[in-house]
Amino acid sequence: MVEKLDEIKCEDPVEKMIVLRKRSGLYQYDFAKEIGVTPGYLRKIENYEMPFSDKLKKRVNAFIKKHFKEV
């Protein structure tokens, strides 16, 4: 089980986030809404047009905590 974004083993945080989104079965639009950002902003992050911020990392970690907590 994944508890934090840092636990996904990839080259960089953007790649980790993409892996997480795809493993969650979510399209960019749906994932963006889940983490509280616009789909356009998420697209820019995933295409390396904008930097991956600490604020975004916190949002992604909150998504993980909400959706992947142990039962």
N, C-alpha and C. Protein backbone atom coordinates (compact mmCIF):
# COMPACT_ATOMS: atom_id res chain seq x y z
N MET A 1 0.84 -1.18 0.00
CA MET A 1 0.00 0.00 0.00
C MET A 1 0.88 1.25 0.00
N VAL A 2 0.49 2.21 -0.75
CA VAL A 2 1.21 3.48 -0.83
C VAL A 2 0.64 4.44 0.20
N GLU A 3 1.51 5.06 0.97
CA GLU A 3 1.06 6.03 1.97
C GLU A 3 1.52 7.44 1.67
N LYS A 4 2.55 7.59 0.84
CA LYS A 4 3.06 8.91 0.47
C LYS A 4 3.59 8.85 -0.95
N LEU A 5 3.56 9.99 -1.60
CA LEU A 5 4.04 10.08 -2.97
C LEU A 5 5.49 9.62 -3.09
N ASP A 6 6.31 9.88 -2.09
CA ASP A 6 7.72 9.50 -2.12
C ASP A 6 7.94 8.00 -2.21
N GLU A 7 6.92 7.21 -1.88
CA GLU A 7 7.06 5.76 -1.89
C GLU A 7 6.96 5.15 -3.29
N ILE A 8 6.47 5.92 -4.26
CA ILE A 8 6.41 5.44 -5.63
C ILE A 8 7.79 5.64 -6.23
N LYS A 9 8.42 4.57 -6.67
CA LYS A 9 9.79 4.62 -7.16
C LYS A 9 9.83 4.98 -8.65
N CYS A 10 10.17 6.22 -8.93
CA CYS A 10 10.32 6.75 -10.28
C CYS A 10 11.40 7.80 -10.25
N GLU A 11 11.67 8.36 -11.40
CA GLU A 11 12.74 9.35 -11.53
C GLU A 11 12.43 10.68 -10.86
N ASP A 12 11.20 11.17 -11.00
CA ASP A 12 10.89 12.49 -10.46
C ASP A 12 9.45 12.55 -9.97
N PRO A 13 9.07 13.60 -9.24
CA PRO A 13 7.73 13.67 -8.66
C PRO A 13 6.61 13.70 -9.70
N VAL A 14 6.87 14.29 -10.86
CA VAL A 14 5.84 14.33 -11.90
C VAL A 14 5.55 12.90 -12.38
N GLU A 15 6.59 12.16 -12.62
CA GLU A 15 6.43 10.77 -13.05
C GLU A 15 5.70 9.95 -11.99
N LYS A 16 6.04 10.17 -10.73
CA LYS A 16 5.37 9.48 -9.62
C LYS A 16 3.87 9.79 -9.62
N MET A 17 3.55 11.07 -9.82
CA MET A 17 2.15 11.48 -9.81
C MET A 17 1.38 10.85 -10.97
N ILE A 18 2.01 10.78 -12.14
CA ILE A 18 1.36 10.16 -13.29
C ILE A 18 1.11 8.69 -13.03
N VAL A 19 2.08 8.00 -12.46
CA VAL A 19 1.91 6.58 -12.12
C VAL A 19 0.75 6.41 -11.13
N LEU A 20 0.72 7.26 -10.12
CA LEU A 20 -0.35 7.20 -9.12
C LEU A 20 -1.71 7.43 -9.78
N ARG A 21 -1.81 8.44 -10.62
CA ARG A 21 -3.07 8.75 -11.29
C ARG A 21 -3.54 7.56 -12.14
N LYS A 22 -2.63 6.99 -12.89
CA LYS A 22 -2.99 5.87 -13.75
C LYS A 22 -3.35 4.62 -12.94
N ARG A 23 -2.61 4.36 -11.87
CA ARG A 23 -2.93 3.21 -11.00
C ARG A 23 -4.27 3.40 -10.31
N SER A 24 -4.67 4.65 -10.13
CA SER A 24 -5.97 4.96 -9.51
C SER A 24 -7.10 4.84 -10.52
N GLY A 25 -6.75 4.69 -11.79
CA GLY A 25 -7.76 4.56 -12.83
C GLY A 25 -8.45 5.87 -13.18
N LEU A 26 -7.78 6.99 -12.94
CA LEU A 26 -8.39 8.30 -13.17
C LEU A 26 -7.78 8.98 -14.39
N TYR A 27 -8.63 9.66 -15.13
CA TYR A 27 -8.16 10.52 -16.21
C TYR A 27 -7.63 11.81 -15.59
N GLN A 28 -6.88 12.58 -16.37
CA GLN A 28 -6.34 13.84 -15.86
C GLN A 28 -7.43 14.73 -15.28
N TYR A 29 -8.54 14.86 -15.98
CA TYR A 29 -9.63 15.72 -15.53
C TYR A 29 -10.12 15.30 -14.15
N ASP A 30 -10.39 14.01 -13.98
CA ASP A 30 -10.92 13.51 -12.71
C ASP A 30 -9.90 13.63 -11.57
N PHE A 31 -8.64 13.33 -11.88
CA PHE A 31 -7.60 13.43 -10.86
C PHE A 31 -7.41 14.88 -10.44
N ALA A 32 -7.45 15.79 -11.41
CA ALA A 32 -7.31 17.22 -11.11
C ALA A 32 -8.40 17.66 -10.14
N LYS A 33 -9.63 17.26 -10.41
CA LYS A 33 -10.74 17.63 -9.53
C LYS A 33 -10.56 17.03 -8.14
N GLU A 34 -10.08 15.80 -8.08
CA GLU A 34 -9.86 15.13 -6.79
C GLU A 34 -8.83 15.86 -5.94
N ILE A 35 -7.79 16.39 -6.56
CA ILE A 35 -6.73 17.05 -5.78
C ILE A 35 -6.92 18.56 -5.70
N GLY A 36 -7.99 19.07 -6.30
CA GLY A 36 -8.31 20.48 -6.14
C GLY A 36 -7.55 21.44 -7.03
N VAL A 37 -7.20 21.00 -8.23
CA VAL A 37 -6.55 21.88 -9.20
C VAL A 37 -7.34 21.82 -10.50
N THR A 38 -7.07 22.73 -11.40
CA THR A 38 -7.76 22.69 -12.68
C THR A 38 -7.11 21.64 -13.58
N PRO A 39 -7.90 21.07 -14.48
CA PRO A 39 -7.33 20.11 -15.42
C PRO A 39 -6.20 20.71 -16.27
N GLY A 40 -6.32 21.98 -16.64
CA GLY A 40 -5.27 22.64 -17.42
C GLY A 40 -3.96 22.75 -16.65
N TYR A 41 -4.06 23.04 -15.37
CA TYR A 41 -2.87 23.13 -14.52
C TYR A 41 -2.20 21.76 -14.42
N LEU A 42 -3.00 20.72 -14.19
CA LEU A 42 -2.44 19.37 -14.09
C LEU A 42 -1.77 18.96 -15.40
N ARG A 43 -2.39 19.29 -16.51
CA ARG A 43 -1.81 18.97 -17.81
C ARG A 43 -0.45 19.64 -17.97
N LYS A 44 -0.35 20.90 -17.56
CA LYS A 44 0.92 21.62 -17.66
C LYS A 44 1.99 20.99 -16.77
N ILE A 45 1.60 20.54 -15.60
CA ILE A 45 2.55 19.86 -14.71
C ILE A 45 3.03 18.56 -15.34
N GLU A 46 2.07 17.76 -15.83
CA GLU A 46 2.42 16.46 -16.41
C GLU A 46 3.24 16.60 -17.69
N ASN A 47 3.13 17.72 -18.37
CA ASN A 47 3.91 17.95 -19.59
C ASN A 47 5.16 18.78 -19.32
N TYR A 48 5.50 18.94 -18.05
CA TYR A 48 6.72 19.65 -17.63
C TYR A 48 6.74 21.10 -18.12
N GLU A 49 5.57 21.70 -18.22
CA GLU A 49 5.48 23.11 -18.61
C GLU A 49 5.45 24.02 -17.38
N MET A 50 5.20 23.44 -16.22
CA MET A 50 5.21 24.16 -14.95
C MET A 50 5.90 23.28 -13.92
N PRO A 51 6.50 23.89 -12.90
CA PRO A 51 7.20 23.10 -11.88
C PRO A 51 6.23 22.38 -10.94
N PHE A 52 6.68 21.26 -10.42
CA PHE A 52 5.94 20.49 -9.42
C PHE A 52 6.22 21.14 -8.06
N SER A 53 5.22 21.79 -7.49
CA SER A 53 5.41 22.56 -6.25
C SER A 53 5.19 21.72 -5.00
N ASP A 54 5.67 22.25 -3.88
CA ASP A 54 5.43 21.59 -2.59
C ASP A 54 3.94 21.58 -2.26
N LYS A 55 3.23 22.63 -2.66
CA LYS A 55 1.78 22.69 -2.42
C LYS A 55 1.06 21.57 -3.18
N LEU A 56 1.48 21.31 -4.41
CA LEU A 56 0.89 20.22 -5.19
C LEU A 56 1.21 18.88 -4.54
N LYS A 57 2.44 18.73 -4.06
CA LYS A 57 2.83 17.49 -3.39
C LYS A 57 1.94 17.23 -2.19
N LYS A 58 1.62 18.27 -1.42
CA LYS A 58 0.74 18.12 -0.26
C LYS A 58 -0.66 17.67 -0.70
N ARG A 59 -1.14 18.24 -1.80
CA ARG A 59 -2.47 17.85 -2.31
C ARG A 59 -2.49 16.39 -2.74
N VAL A 60 -1.43 15.96 -3.41
CA VAL A 60 -1.34 14.57 -3.87
C VAL A 60 -1.24 13.63 -2.68
N ASN A 61 -0.45 14.00 -1.68
CA ASN A 61 -0.34 13.17 -0.47
C ASN A 61 -1.67 13.09 0.27
N ALA A 62 -2.45 14.16 0.28
CA ALA A 62 -3.78 14.14 0.90
C ALA A 62 -4.70 13.20 0.13
N PHE A 63 -4.59 13.18 -1.20
CA PHE A 63 -5.37 12.25 -2.02
C PHE A 63 -5.02 10.81 -1.66
N ILE A 64 -3.73 10.54 -1.55
CA ILE A 64 -3.27 9.19 -1.21
C ILE A 64 -3.81 8.77 0.15
N LYS A 65 -3.70 9.65 1.12
CA LYS A 65 -4.18 9.35 2.47
C LYS A 65 -5.68 9.06 2.47
N LYS A 66 -6.43 9.81 1.71
CA LYS A 66 -7.88 9.65 1.65
C LYS A 66 -8.29 8.37 0.93
N HIS A 67 -7.62 8.03 -0.15
CA HIS A 67 -8.06 6.93 -1.01
C HIS A 67 -7.33 5.62 -0.80
N PHE A 68 -6.21 5.63 -0.11
CA PHE A 68 -5.43 4.40 0.05
C PHE A 68 -5.16 4.03 1.49
N LYS A 69 -6.04 4.50 2.40
CA LYS A 69 -5.84 4.13 3.81
C LYS A 69 -6.25 2.67 4.02
N GLU A 70 -5.62 2.06 4.98
CA GLU A 70 -5.90 0.65 5.26
C GLU A 70 -7.31 0.47 5.78
N VAL A 71 -7.90 -0.66 5.43
CA VAL A 71 -9.25 -0.98 5.88
C VAL A 71 -9.17 -1.85 7.11
